[in-house]
């Protein structure tokens, strides 16, 4: 029964070792996939940060220009209104043309203010979207990094277990080989072979 026990032990240890190695290999593949995903997240985040910086710089550059234009238009309106108010009746014939210019400047002022407000609103929305996506990326990154850490630790433990099983398997195989060798020796001594009569 000892020979059969050793053969069963060898089979059992071999199966366990193969399972541990397969589990470890699967975990290592998952870790590699997670690391690729982490790399993609980092790359995407860098691109987003670069784009966000460019958008902010463009807005920061355009805002003072629009404000300057609005102030310029407002100053021109004030000057024209003051001029036509002082000129009064003397410039009555030209006041039709003056009111047309004033109306045109008021329309331009409204358009510039509208453009400035839209640009500021778009900048605020873009900044909020960027902040939200950055937070989501950070949470995803932390979760994946924790997964990598856990799975790497688990793979190392499985590799150690497989190594221990390989050592046990080697010892048990040596014992089985010794039993088989002894069995062969005993068989050759105990089994009668017919003598050849040549």
N, C-alpha and C. Protein backbone atom coordinates (compact mmCIF):
# COMPACT_ATOMS: atom_id res chain seq x y z
N UNK A 1 0.83 -1.19 0.00
CA UNK A 1 0.00 0.00 0.00
C UNK A 1 0.87 1.25 0.00
N UNK A 2 2.12 1.12 0.45
CA UNK A 2 2.99 2.27 0.51
C UNK A 2 3.28 2.83 -0.88
N UNK A 3 3.48 1.97 -1.86
CA UNK A 3 3.77 2.41 -3.22
C UNK A 3 2.57 3.19 -3.76
N UNK A 4 1.36 2.69 -3.57
CA UNK A 4 0.15 3.36 -4.05
C UNK A 4 -0.06 4.69 -3.33
N UNK A 5 0.27 4.69 -2.02
CA UNK A 5 0.15 5.94 -1.26
C UNK A 5 1.10 7.01 -1.81
N UNK A 6 2.32 6.60 -2.10
CA UNK A 6 3.31 7.54 -2.64
C UNK A 6 2.89 8.03 -4.02
N UNK A 7 2.36 7.13 -4.84
CA UNK A 7 1.91 7.54 -6.18
C UNK A 7 0.75 8.55 -6.06
N UNK A 8 -0.16 8.29 -5.11
CA UNK A 8 -1.28 9.21 -4.89
C UNK A 8 -0.78 10.56 -4.37
N UNK A 9 0.21 10.51 -3.46
CA UNK A 9 0.78 11.75 -2.94
C UNK A 9 1.45 12.56 -4.04
N UNK A 10 2.19 11.89 -4.91
CA UNK A 10 2.85 12.57 -6.02
C UNK A 10 1.80 13.23 -6.92
N UNK A 11 0.76 12.50 -7.23
CA UNK A 11 -0.31 13.04 -8.09
C UNK A 11 -0.98 14.25 -7.43
N UNK A 12 -1.28 14.12 -6.15
CA UNK A 12 -1.96 15.19 -5.41
C UNK A 12 -1.08 16.44 -5.34
N UNK A 13 0.19 16.26 -4.99
CA UNK A 13 1.11 17.39 -4.90
C UNK A 13 1.32 18.05 -6.26
N UNK A 14 1.43 17.24 -7.29
CA UNK A 14 1.63 17.75 -8.64
C UNK A 14 0.42 18.59 -9.08
N UNK A 15 -0.77 18.11 -8.77
CA UNK A 15 -2.00 18.83 -9.13
C UNK A 15 -2.08 20.15 -8.37
N UNK A 16 -1.81 20.10 -7.07
CA UNK A 16 -1.85 21.33 -6.26
C UNK A 16 -0.84 22.35 -6.77
N UNK A 17 0.37 21.88 -7.07
CA UNK A 17 1.42 22.77 -7.57
C UNK A 17 0.99 23.42 -8.88
N UNK A 18 0.44 22.61 -9.80
CA UNK A 18 -0.02 23.14 -11.09
C UNK A 18 -1.14 24.18 -10.91
N UNK A 19 -2.04 23.90 -9.96
CA UNK A 19 -3.14 24.85 -9.69
C UNK A 19 -2.60 26.18 -9.17
N UNK A 20 -1.66 26.10 -8.23
CA UNK A 20 -1.07 27.31 -7.66
C UNK A 20 -0.35 28.11 -8.75
N UNK A 21 0.39 27.43 -9.60
CA UNK A 21 1.11 28.11 -10.68
C UNK A 21 0.14 28.76 -11.66
N UNK A 22 -0.97 28.07 -11.96
CA UNK A 22 -1.97 28.62 -12.88
C UNK A 22 -2.64 29.85 -12.26
N UNK A 23 -2.99 29.76 -10.98
CA UNK A 23 -3.60 30.90 -10.30
C UNK A 23 -2.65 32.09 -10.27
N UNK A 24 -1.38 31.82 -10.00
CA UNK A 24 -0.37 32.87 -9.96
C UNK A 24 -0.22 33.52 -11.33
N UNK A 25 -0.17 32.71 -12.37
CA UNK A 25 -0.04 33.24 -13.74
C UNK A 25 -1.24 34.12 -14.10
N UNK A 26 -2.44 33.68 -13.70
CA UNK A 26 -3.64 34.46 -13.98
C UNK A 26 -3.59 35.81 -13.25
N UNK A 27 -3.17 35.79 -11.99
CA UNK A 27 -3.05 37.03 -11.23
C UNK A 27 -2.01 37.95 -11.86
N UNK A 28 -0.92 37.39 -12.33
CA UNK A 28 0.13 38.21 -12.96
C UNK A 28 -0.39 38.84 -14.25
N UNK A 29 -1.21 38.13 -15.00
CA UNK A 29 -1.82 38.70 -16.21
C UNK A 29 -2.75 39.85 -15.82
N UNK A 30 -3.53 39.65 -14.76
CA UNK A 30 -4.44 40.71 -14.30
C UNK A 30 -3.66 41.94 -13.83
N UNK A 31 -2.55 41.71 -13.14
CA UNK A 31 -1.70 42.82 -12.69
C UNK A 31 -1.15 43.58 -13.89
N UNK A 32 -0.71 42.85 -14.91
CA UNK A 32 -0.18 43.51 -16.11
C UNK A 32 -1.27 44.35 -16.78
N UNK A 33 -2.49 43.81 -16.85
CA UNK A 33 -3.61 44.56 -17.44
C UNK A 33 -3.91 45.81 -16.62
N UNK A 34 -3.91 45.67 -15.30
CA UNK A 34 -4.15 46.82 -14.42
C UNK A 34 -3.07 47.88 -14.59
N UNK A 35 -1.83 47.44 -14.73
CA UNK A 35 -0.74 48.39 -14.91
C UNK A 35 -0.86 49.12 -16.24
N UNK A 36 -1.33 48.42 -17.28
CA UNK A 36 -1.58 49.10 -18.57
C UNK A 36 -2.68 50.14 -18.41
N UNK A 37 -3.75 49.77 -17.68
CA UNK A 37 -4.85 50.71 -17.45
C UNK A 37 -4.38 51.92 -16.64
N UNK A 38 -3.53 51.69 -15.65
CA UNK A 38 -2.99 52.79 -14.86
C UNK A 38 -2.15 53.73 -15.74
N UNK A 39 -1.40 53.14 -16.64
CA UNK A 39 -0.59 53.94 -17.57
C UNK A 39 -1.49 54.77 -18.47
N UNK A 40 -2.58 54.18 -18.95
CA UNK A 40 -3.53 54.90 -19.80
C UNK A 40 -4.19 56.05 -19.03
N UNK A 41 -4.54 55.80 -17.77
CA UNK A 41 -5.15 56.85 -16.94
C UNK A 41 -4.15 58.00 -16.77
N UNK A 42 -2.91 57.68 -16.49
CA UNK A 42 -1.89 58.72 -16.30
C UNK A 42 -1.70 59.53 -17.59
N UNK A 43 -1.68 58.83 -18.70
CA UNK A 43 -1.52 59.50 -20.00
C UNK A 43 -2.71 60.41 -20.30
N UNK A 44 -3.91 59.89 -20.08
CA UNK A 44 -5.13 60.67 -20.32
C UNK A 44 -5.17 61.89 -19.40
N UNK A 45 -4.80 61.69 -18.15
CA UNK A 45 -4.80 62.80 -17.20
C UNK A 45 -3.81 63.87 -17.62
N UNK A 46 -2.65 63.45 -18.09
CA UNK A 46 -1.64 64.42 -18.55
C UNK A 46 -2.16 65.21 -19.74
N UNK A 47 -2.81 64.53 -20.68
CA UNK A 47 -3.39 65.22 -21.84
C UNK A 47 -4.47 66.20 -21.40
N UNK A 48 -5.34 65.75 -20.48
CA UNK A 48 -6.40 66.63 -19.97
C UNK A 48 -5.82 67.87 -19.29
N UNK A 49 -4.79 67.67 -18.49
CA UNK A 49 -4.16 68.77 -17.78
C UNK A 49 -3.55 69.76 -18.77
N UNK A 50 -2.91 69.25 -19.80
CA UNK A 50 -2.30 70.10 -20.82
C UNK A 50 -3.38 70.91 -21.55
N UNK A 51 -4.45 70.24 -21.95
CA UNK A 51 -5.55 70.91 -22.65
C UNK A 51 -6.20 71.96 -21.75
N UNK A 52 -6.42 71.59 -20.49
CA UNK A 52 -7.05 72.51 -19.53
C UNK A 52 -6.19 73.75 -19.36
N UNK A 53 -4.87 73.56 -19.28
CA UNK A 53 -3.95 74.69 -19.13
C UNK A 53 -4.03 75.62 -20.34
N UNK A 54 -4.07 75.02 -21.53
CA UNK A 54 -4.16 75.82 -22.76
C UNK A 54 -5.47 76.61 -22.79
N UNK A 55 -6.58 75.94 -22.42
CA UNK A 55 -7.88 76.63 -22.42
C UNK A 55 -7.89 77.78 -21.41
N UNK A 56 -7.32 77.54 -20.24
CA UNK A 56 -7.28 78.58 -19.21
C UNK A 56 -6.43 79.75 -19.66
N UNK A 57 -5.28 79.45 -20.27
CA UNK A 57 -4.42 80.53 -20.76
C UNK A 57 -5.14 81.36 -21.82
N UNK A 58 -5.85 80.70 -22.73
CA UNK A 58 -6.59 81.42 -23.78
C UNK A 58 -7.66 82.31 -23.15
N UNK A 59 -8.37 81.79 -22.17
CA UNK A 59 -9.42 82.58 -21.50
C UNK A 59 -8.79 83.74 -20.73
N UNK A 60 -7.71 83.46 -20.01
CA UNK A 60 -7.04 84.49 -19.24
C UNK A 60 -6.49 85.60 -20.14
N UNK A 61 -6.09 85.23 -21.34
CA UNK A 61 -5.57 86.23 -22.28
C UNK A 61 -6.72 87.04 -22.90
N UNK A 62 -7.83 86.39 -23.20
CA UNK A 62 -8.94 87.08 -23.88
C UNK A 62 -9.77 87.93 -22.93
N UNK A 63 -9.89 87.53 -21.69
CA UNK A 63 -10.74 88.27 -20.73
C UNK A 63 -10.33 89.73 -20.58
N UNK A 64 -9.07 90.04 -20.33
CA UNK A 64 -8.70 91.46 -20.18
C UNK A 64 -8.94 92.25 -21.48
N UNK A 65 -8.73 91.59 -22.62
CA UNK A 65 -8.96 92.27 -23.90
C UNK A 65 -10.44 92.63 -24.06
N UNK A 66 -11.31 91.69 -23.72
CA UNK A 66 -12.74 91.98 -23.82
C UNK A 66 -13.15 93.07 -22.83
N UNK A 67 -12.62 93.01 -21.63
CA UNK A 67 -12.94 94.03 -20.63
C UNK A 67 -12.46 95.41 -21.09
N UNK A 68 -11.27 95.45 -21.71
CA UNK A 68 -10.73 96.70 -22.23
C UNK A 68 -11.64 97.24 -23.35
N UNK A 69 -12.09 96.33 -24.21
CA UNK A 69 -12.97 96.74 -25.31
C UNK A 69 -14.29 97.29 -24.78
N UNK A 70 -14.83 96.61 -23.76
CA UNK A 70 -16.09 97.07 -23.16
C UNK A 70 -15.91 98.46 -22.55
N UNK A 71 -14.81 98.64 -21.81
CA UNK A 71 -14.54 99.96 -21.21
C UNK A 71 -14.38 101.02 -22.29
N UNK A 72 -13.71 100.66 -23.37
CA UNK A 72 -13.52 101.60 -24.48
C UNK A 72 -14.85 102.02 -25.09
N UNK A 73 -15.72 101.04 -25.30
CA UNK A 73 -17.04 101.33 -25.88
C UNK A 73 -17.84 102.19 -24.90
N UNK A 74 -17.79 101.83 -23.61
CA UNK A 74 -18.53 102.61 -22.61
C UNK A 74 -18.02 104.06 -22.55
N UNK A 75 -16.71 104.23 -22.66
CA UNK A 75 -16.14 105.57 -22.67
C UNK A 75 -16.59 106.34 -23.90
N UNK A 76 -16.59 105.67 -25.06
CA UNK A 76 -17.04 106.32 -26.31
C UNK A 76 -18.51 106.71 -26.19
N UNK A 77 -19.32 105.83 -25.60
CA UNK A 77 -20.75 106.15 -25.43
C UNK A 77 -20.93 107.37 -24.53
N UNK A 78 -20.21 107.38 -23.43
CA UNK A 78 -20.32 108.50 -22.49
C UNK A 78 -19.90 109.80 -23.18
N UNK A 79 -18.79 109.72 -23.91
CA UNK A 79 -18.30 110.92 -24.61
C UNK A 79 -19.31 111.43 -25.62
N UNK A 80 -19.86 110.49 -26.42
CA UNK A 80 -20.84 110.90 -27.44
C UNK A 80 -22.12 111.45 -26.79
N UNK A 81 -22.57 110.79 -25.74
CA UNK A 81 -23.81 111.25 -25.08
C UNK A 81 -23.59 112.64 -24.48
N UNK A 82 -22.42 112.83 -23.84
CA UNK A 82 -22.11 114.15 -23.27
C UNK A 82 -22.04 115.20 -24.37
N UNK A 83 -21.40 114.84 -25.48
CA UNK A 83 -21.25 115.78 -26.58
C UNK A 83 -22.61 116.20 -27.13
N UNK A 84 -23.46 115.20 -27.37
CA UNK A 84 -24.77 115.52 -27.94
C UNK A 84 -25.67 116.22 -26.93
N UNK A 85 -25.46 115.96 -25.65
CA UNK A 85 -26.25 116.64 -24.62
C UNK A 85 -25.85 118.12 -24.56
N UNK A 86 -24.54 118.41 -24.68
CA UNK A 86 -24.05 119.79 -24.64
C UNK A 86 -24.42 120.53 -25.91
N UNK A 87 -24.30 119.81 -27.01
CA UNK A 87 -24.58 120.45 -28.29
C UNK A 87 -26.05 120.82 -28.38
N UNK A 88 -26.86 119.99 -27.78
CA UNK A 88 -28.29 120.26 -27.69
C UNK A 88 -28.92 120.63 -29.01
N UNK A 89 -29.56 121.77 -29.01
CA UNK A 89 -30.31 122.20 -30.18
C UNK A 89 -29.39 122.58 -31.32
N UNK A 90 -28.18 123.02 -31.04
CA UNK A 90 -27.28 123.46 -32.10
C UNK A 90 -26.94 122.31 -33.03
N UNK A 91 -26.84 121.13 -32.49
CA UNK A 91 -26.50 119.98 -33.32
C UNK A 91 -27.73 119.15 -33.61
N UNK A 92 -28.88 119.75 -33.53
CA UNK A 92 -30.13 119.02 -33.69
C UNK A 92 -30.20 118.29 -35.03
N UNK A 93 -29.67 118.90 -36.03
CA UNK A 93 -29.71 118.24 -37.34
C UNK A 93 -28.82 117.02 -37.38
N UNK A 94 -27.73 117.02 -36.61
CA UNK A 94 -26.79 115.89 -36.62
C UNK A 94 -27.15 114.84 -35.58
N UNK A 95 -28.15 115.13 -34.73
CA UNK A 95 -28.48 114.20 -33.65
C UNK A 95 -29.04 112.89 -34.19
N UNK A 96 -29.64 112.86 -35.35
CA UNK A 96 -30.12 111.62 -35.95
C UNK A 96 -28.97 110.69 -36.26
N UNK A 97 -27.91 111.24 -36.81
CA UNK A 97 -26.71 110.45 -37.11
C UNK A 97 -26.04 110.04 -35.81
N UNK A 98 -26.01 110.96 -34.82
CA UNK A 98 -25.40 110.66 -33.52
C UNK A 98 -26.13 109.56 -32.80
N UNK A 99 -27.45 109.57 -32.86
CA UNK A 99 -28.21 108.52 -32.17
C UNK A 99 -28.01 107.17 -32.86
N UNK A 100 -27.75 107.18 -34.15
CA UNK A 100 -27.46 105.93 -34.88
C UNK A 100 -26.12 105.35 -34.43
N UNK A 101 -25.14 106.23 -34.27
CA UNK A 101 -23.81 105.78 -33.80
C UNK A 101 -23.92 105.27 -32.37
N UNK A 102 -24.65 105.99 -31.54
CA UNK A 102 -24.83 105.58 -30.14
C UNK A 102 -25.53 104.22 -30.08
N UNK A 103 -26.55 104.03 -30.90
CA UNK A 103 -27.26 102.73 -30.92
C UNK A 103 -26.32 101.62 -31.36
N UNK A 104 -25.48 101.92 -32.36
CA UNK A 104 -24.52 100.92 -32.85
C UNK A 104 -23.51 100.56 -31.74
N UNK A 105 -23.03 101.57 -31.04
CA UNK A 105 -22.08 101.32 -29.94
C UNK A 105 -22.73 100.56 -28.79
N UNK A 106 -23.98 100.86 -28.49
CA UNK A 106 -24.69 100.13 -27.43
C UNK A 106 -24.87 98.67 -27.80
N UNK A 107 -25.16 98.41 -29.08
CA UNK A 107 -25.28 97.01 -29.55
C UNK A 107 -23.94 96.30 -29.43
N UNK A 108 -22.86 97.00 -29.82
CA UNK A 108 -21.52 96.40 -29.71
C UNK A 108 -21.18 96.13 -28.25
N UNK A 109 -21.53 97.06 -27.37
CA UNK A 109 -21.27 96.87 -25.94
C UNK A 109 -22.00 95.64 -25.42
N UNK A 110 -23.26 95.50 -25.80
CA UNK A 110 -24.07 94.34 -25.37
C UNK A 110 -23.45 93.05 -25.88
N UNK A 111 -23.01 93.05 -27.14
CA UNK A 111 -22.38 91.85 -27.72
C UNK A 111 -21.08 91.50 -26.99
N UNK A 112 -20.26 92.50 -26.71
CA UNK A 112 -19.00 92.24 -26.01
C UNK A 112 -19.25 91.71 -24.60
N UNK A 113 -20.22 92.28 -23.89
CA UNK A 113 -20.54 91.80 -22.54
C UNK A 113 -21.06 90.37 -22.59
N UNK A 114 -21.91 90.10 -23.60
CA UNK A 114 -22.45 88.74 -23.76
C UNK A 114 -21.30 87.75 -24.04
N UNK A 115 -20.39 88.13 -24.94
CA UNK A 115 -19.24 87.25 -25.25
C UNK A 115 -18.38 87.00 -24.02
N UNK A 116 -18.14 88.06 -23.25
CA UNK A 116 -17.33 87.92 -22.03
C UNK A 116 -18.02 86.97 -21.05
N UNK A 117 -19.31 87.16 -20.84
CA UNK A 117 -20.05 86.30 -19.90
C UNK A 117 -20.07 84.85 -20.37
N UNK A 118 -20.25 84.64 -21.68
CA UNK A 118 -20.24 83.27 -22.21
C UNK A 118 -18.87 82.63 -22.04
N UNK A 119 -17.81 83.39 -22.32
CA UNK A 119 -16.46 82.86 -22.20
C UNK A 119 -16.16 82.49 -20.75
N UNK A 120 -16.54 83.36 -19.82
CA UNK A 120 -16.30 83.08 -18.40
C UNK A 120 -17.10 81.85 -17.96
N UNK A 121 -18.35 81.75 -18.41
CA UNK A 121 -19.19 80.60 -18.05
C UNK A 121 -18.60 79.30 -18.62
N UNK A 122 -18.14 79.35 -19.88
CA UNK A 122 -17.53 78.16 -20.48
C UNK A 122 -16.26 77.76 -19.73
N UNK A 123 -15.48 78.74 -19.34
CA UNK A 123 -14.25 78.47 -18.58
C UNK A 123 -14.58 77.81 -17.24
N UNK A 124 -15.60 78.33 -16.57
CA UNK A 124 -15.99 77.75 -15.27
C UNK A 124 -16.50 76.33 -15.44
N UNK A 125 -17.30 76.10 -16.50
CA UNK A 125 -17.81 74.73 -16.74
C UNK A 125 -16.67 73.79 -17.10
N UNK A 126 -15.73 74.25 -17.92
CA UNK A 126 -14.59 73.40 -18.31
C UNK A 126 -13.73 73.08 -17.09
N UNK A 127 -13.53 74.07 -16.23
CA UNK A 127 -12.73 73.85 -15.02
C UNK A 127 -13.43 72.86 -14.09
N UNK A 128 -14.76 72.99 -13.94
CA UNK A 128 -15.52 72.07 -13.08
C UNK A 128 -15.49 70.65 -13.65
N UNK A 129 -15.64 70.53 -14.97
CA UNK A 129 -15.60 69.20 -15.61
C UNK A 129 -14.21 68.58 -15.44
N UNK A 130 -13.18 69.39 -15.60
CA UNK A 130 -11.81 68.91 -15.42
C UNK A 130 -11.59 68.43 -13.99
N UNK A 131 -12.03 69.23 -13.02
CA UNK A 131 -11.87 68.86 -11.61
C UNK A 131 -12.61 67.55 -11.31
N UNK A 132 -13.82 67.41 -11.82
CA UNK A 132 -14.61 66.20 -11.60
C UNK A 132 -13.91 64.98 -12.20
N UNK A 133 -13.45 65.12 -13.45
CA UNK A 133 -12.79 63.99 -14.11
C UNK A 133 -11.48 63.64 -13.41
N UNK A 134 -10.77 64.66 -12.94
CA UNK A 134 -9.51 64.42 -12.22
C UNK A 134 -9.78 63.63 -10.94
N UNK A 135 -10.85 63.99 -10.23
CA UNK A 135 -11.21 63.26 -9.00
C UNK A 135 -11.57 61.82 -9.33
N UNK A 136 -12.35 61.63 -10.39
CA UNK A 136 -12.72 60.26 -10.79
C UNK A 136 -11.49 59.46 -11.18
N UNK A 137 -10.57 60.08 -11.92
CA UNK A 137 -9.34 59.40 -12.31
C UNK A 137 -8.51 59.02 -11.09
N UNK A 138 -8.47 59.90 -10.11
CA UNK A 138 -7.70 59.62 -8.90
C UNK A 138 -8.30 58.44 -8.13
N UNK A 139 -9.63 58.42 -8.02
CA UNK A 139 -10.29 57.30 -7.33
C UNK A 139 -10.05 55.99 -8.08
N UNK A 140 -10.18 56.03 -9.39
CA UNK A 140 -9.94 54.84 -10.22
C UNK A 140 -8.50 54.38 -10.05
N UNK A 141 -7.59 55.34 -10.09
CA UNK A 141 -6.16 55.04 -9.94
C UNK A 141 -5.89 54.37 -8.59
N UNK A 142 -6.46 54.93 -7.52
CA UNK A 142 -6.25 54.35 -6.19
C UNK A 142 -6.79 52.93 -6.11
N UNK A 143 -7.96 52.70 -6.69
CA UNK A 143 -8.57 51.36 -6.66
C UNK A 143 -7.69 50.37 -7.43
N UNK A 144 -7.24 50.78 -8.60
CA UNK A 144 -6.42 49.88 -9.41
C UNK A 144 -5.05 49.63 -8.77
N UNK A 145 -4.49 50.66 -8.15
CA UNK A 145 -3.21 50.47 -7.45
C UNK A 145 -3.37 49.50 -6.28
N UNK A 146 -4.50 49.60 -5.57
CA UNK A 146 -4.76 48.67 -4.46
C UNK A 146 -4.91 47.25 -5.01
N UNK A 147 -5.60 47.13 -6.16
CA UNK A 147 -5.75 45.82 -6.81
C UNK A 147 -4.39 45.25 -7.19
N UNK A 148 -3.53 46.09 -7.77
CA UNK A 148 -2.19 45.65 -8.17
C UNK A 148 -1.43 45.16 -6.95
N UNK A 149 -1.49 45.94 -5.88
CA UNK A 149 -0.77 45.57 -4.65
C UNK A 149 -1.28 44.23 -4.12
N UNK A 150 -2.60 44.09 -4.02
CA UNK A 150 -3.18 42.86 -3.48
C UNK A 150 -2.85 41.66 -4.37
N UNK A 151 -3.07 41.83 -5.68
CA UNK A 151 -2.85 40.70 -6.60
C UNK A 151 -1.38 40.32 -6.69
N UNK A 152 -0.51 41.31 -6.61
CA UNK A 152 0.93 41.00 -6.63
C UNK A 152 1.30 40.22 -5.37
N UNK A 153 0.79 40.66 -4.24
CA UNK A 153 1.06 39.97 -2.98
C UNK A 153 0.52 38.53 -3.04
N UNK A 154 -0.69 38.39 -3.57
CA UNK A 154 -1.30 37.06 -3.70
C UNK A 154 -0.49 36.17 -4.65
N UNK A 155 -0.02 36.74 -5.75
CA UNK A 155 0.78 35.96 -6.72
C UNK A 155 2.08 35.50 -6.08
N UNK A 156 2.71 36.38 -5.28
CA UNK A 156 3.95 36.01 -4.59
C UNK A 156 3.68 34.87 -3.62
N UNK A 157 2.56 34.95 -2.89
CA UNK A 157 2.21 33.89 -1.95
C UNK A 157 1.95 32.57 -2.69
N UNK A 158 1.28 32.66 -3.84
CA UNK A 158 1.02 31.45 -4.63
C UNK A 158 2.32 30.86 -5.18
N UNK A 159 3.23 31.74 -5.62
CA UNK A 159 4.53 31.26 -6.11
C UNK A 159 5.30 30.56 -4.99
N UNK A 160 5.25 31.13 -3.80
CA UNK A 160 5.94 30.51 -2.65
C UNK A 160 5.30 29.15 -2.34
N UNK A 161 3.98 29.12 -2.35
CA UNK A 161 3.27 27.87 -2.09
C UNK A 161 3.62 26.83 -3.16
N UNK A 162 3.66 27.26 -4.42
CA UNK A 162 4.01 26.33 -5.51
C UNK A 162 5.44 25.84 -5.35
N UNK A 163 6.33 26.72 -4.91
CA UNK A 163 7.72 26.34 -4.68
C UNK A 163 7.82 25.32 -3.56
N UNK A 164 7.06 25.57 -2.48
CA UNK A 164 7.05 24.61 -1.36
C UNK A 164 6.49 23.26 -1.82
N UNK A 165 5.42 23.34 -2.62
CA UNK A 165 4.84 22.09 -3.14
C UNK A 165 5.82 21.37 -4.06
N UNK A 166 6.59 22.12 -4.83
CA UNK A 166 7.60 21.52 -5.72
C UNK A 166 8.65 20.79 -4.89
N UNK A 167 9.04 21.42 -3.77
CA UNK A 167 10.01 20.78 -2.87
C UNK A 167 9.41 19.51 -2.28
N UNK A 168 8.16 19.60 -1.81
CA UNK A 168 7.49 18.41 -1.26
C UNK A 168 7.35 17.33 -2.33
N UNK A 169 6.99 17.77 -3.53
CA UNK A 169 6.82 16.83 -4.64
C UNK A 169 8.14 16.13 -4.95
N UNK A 170 9.21 16.89 -4.95
CA UNK A 170 10.52 16.31 -5.23
C UNK A 170 10.88 15.25 -4.18
N UNK A 171 10.63 15.60 -2.91
CA UNK A 171 10.92 14.64 -1.83
C UNK A 171 10.05 13.39 -1.94
N UNK A 172 8.77 13.58 -2.21
CA UNK A 172 7.85 12.45 -2.33
C UNK A 172 8.20 11.61 -3.56
N UNK A 173 8.60 12.29 -4.65
CA UNK A 173 9.00 11.57 -5.87
C UNK A 173 10.25 10.73 -5.59
N UNK A 174 11.19 11.30 -4.83
CA UNK A 174 12.40 10.55 -4.46
C UNK A 174 12.03 9.31 -3.64
N UNK A 175 11.07 9.50 -2.71
CA UNK A 175 10.62 8.36 -1.91
C UNK A 175 9.96 7.30 -2.80
N UNK A 176 9.14 7.77 -3.74
CA UNK A 176 8.47 6.84 -4.65
C UNK A 176 9.50 6.11 -5.52
N UNK A 177 10.51 6.85 -5.99
CA UNK A 177 11.57 6.23 -6.80
C UNK A 177 12.30 5.16 -5.99
N UNK A 178 12.54 5.45 -4.70
CA UNK A 178 13.22 4.47 -3.84
C UNK A 178 12.34 3.24 -3.65
N UNK A 179 11.03 3.48 -3.45
CA UNK A 179 10.10 2.35 -3.30
C UNK A 179 10.07 1.53 -4.59
N UNK A 180 10.00 2.20 -5.74
CA UNK A 180 9.97 1.49 -7.03
C UNK A 180 11.26 0.71 -7.26
N UNK A 181 12.39 1.32 -6.88
CA UNK A 181 13.67 0.63 -7.04
C UNK A 181 13.72 -0.62 -6.15
N UNK A 182 13.27 -0.45 -4.91
CA UNK A 182 13.25 -1.59 -3.99
C UNK A 182 12.28 -2.66 -4.51
N UNK A 183 11.17 -2.20 -5.04
CA UNK A 183 10.17 -3.13 -5.59
C UNK A 183 10.75 -3.91 -6.76
N UNK A 184 11.46 -3.24 -7.63
CA UNK A 184 12.08 -3.91 -8.77
C UNK A 184 13.12 -4.92 -8.31
N UNK A 185 13.91 -4.53 -7.31
CA UNK A 185 14.94 -5.43 -6.79
C UNK A 185 14.29 -6.67 -6.18
N UNK A 186 13.23 -6.43 -5.40
CA UNK A 186 12.54 -7.55 -4.77
C UNK A 186 11.91 -8.47 -5.82
N UNK A 187 11.33 -7.86 -6.84
CA UNK A 187 10.70 -8.68 -7.87
C UNK A 187 11.73 -9.56 -8.57
N UNK A 188 12.88 -8.97 -8.86
CA UNK A 188 13.88 -9.76 -9.57
C UNK A 188 14.42 -10.89 -8.69
N UNK A 189 14.41 -10.70 -7.38
CA UNK A 189 14.90 -11.74 -6.48
C UNK A 189 13.83 -12.78 -6.18
N UNK A 190 12.57 -12.37 -6.19
CA UNK A 190 11.52 -13.26 -5.75
C UNK A 190 10.81 -13.99 -6.89
N UNK A 191 10.89 -13.49 -8.05
CA UNK A 191 10.17 -14.13 -9.14
C UNK A 191 11.14 -15.04 -9.86
N UNK A 192 10.72 -16.28 -9.96
CA UNK A 192 11.59 -17.27 -10.61
C UNK A 192 11.52 -17.08 -12.11
N UNK A 193 12.72 -17.10 -12.70
CA UNK A 193 12.81 -16.97 -14.16
C UNK A 193 13.22 -18.33 -14.69
N UNK A 194 12.60 -18.72 -15.75
CA UNK A 194 12.99 -20.01 -16.31
C UNK A 194 14.43 -19.95 -16.83
N UNK A 195 15.14 -21.02 -16.60
CA UNK A 195 16.53 -21.10 -17.04
C UNK A 195 16.54 -21.45 -18.51
N UNK A 196 17.46 -20.82 -19.17
CA UNK A 196 17.59 -21.19 -20.59
C UNK A 196 18.52 -22.39 -20.67
N UNK A 197 18.24 -23.32 -21.58
CA UNK A 197 18.99 -24.57 -21.69
C UNK A 197 19.93 -24.55 -22.87
N UNK A 198 20.49 -23.53 -23.15
CA UNK A 198 21.39 -23.48 -24.28
C UNK A 198 22.77 -23.75 -23.93
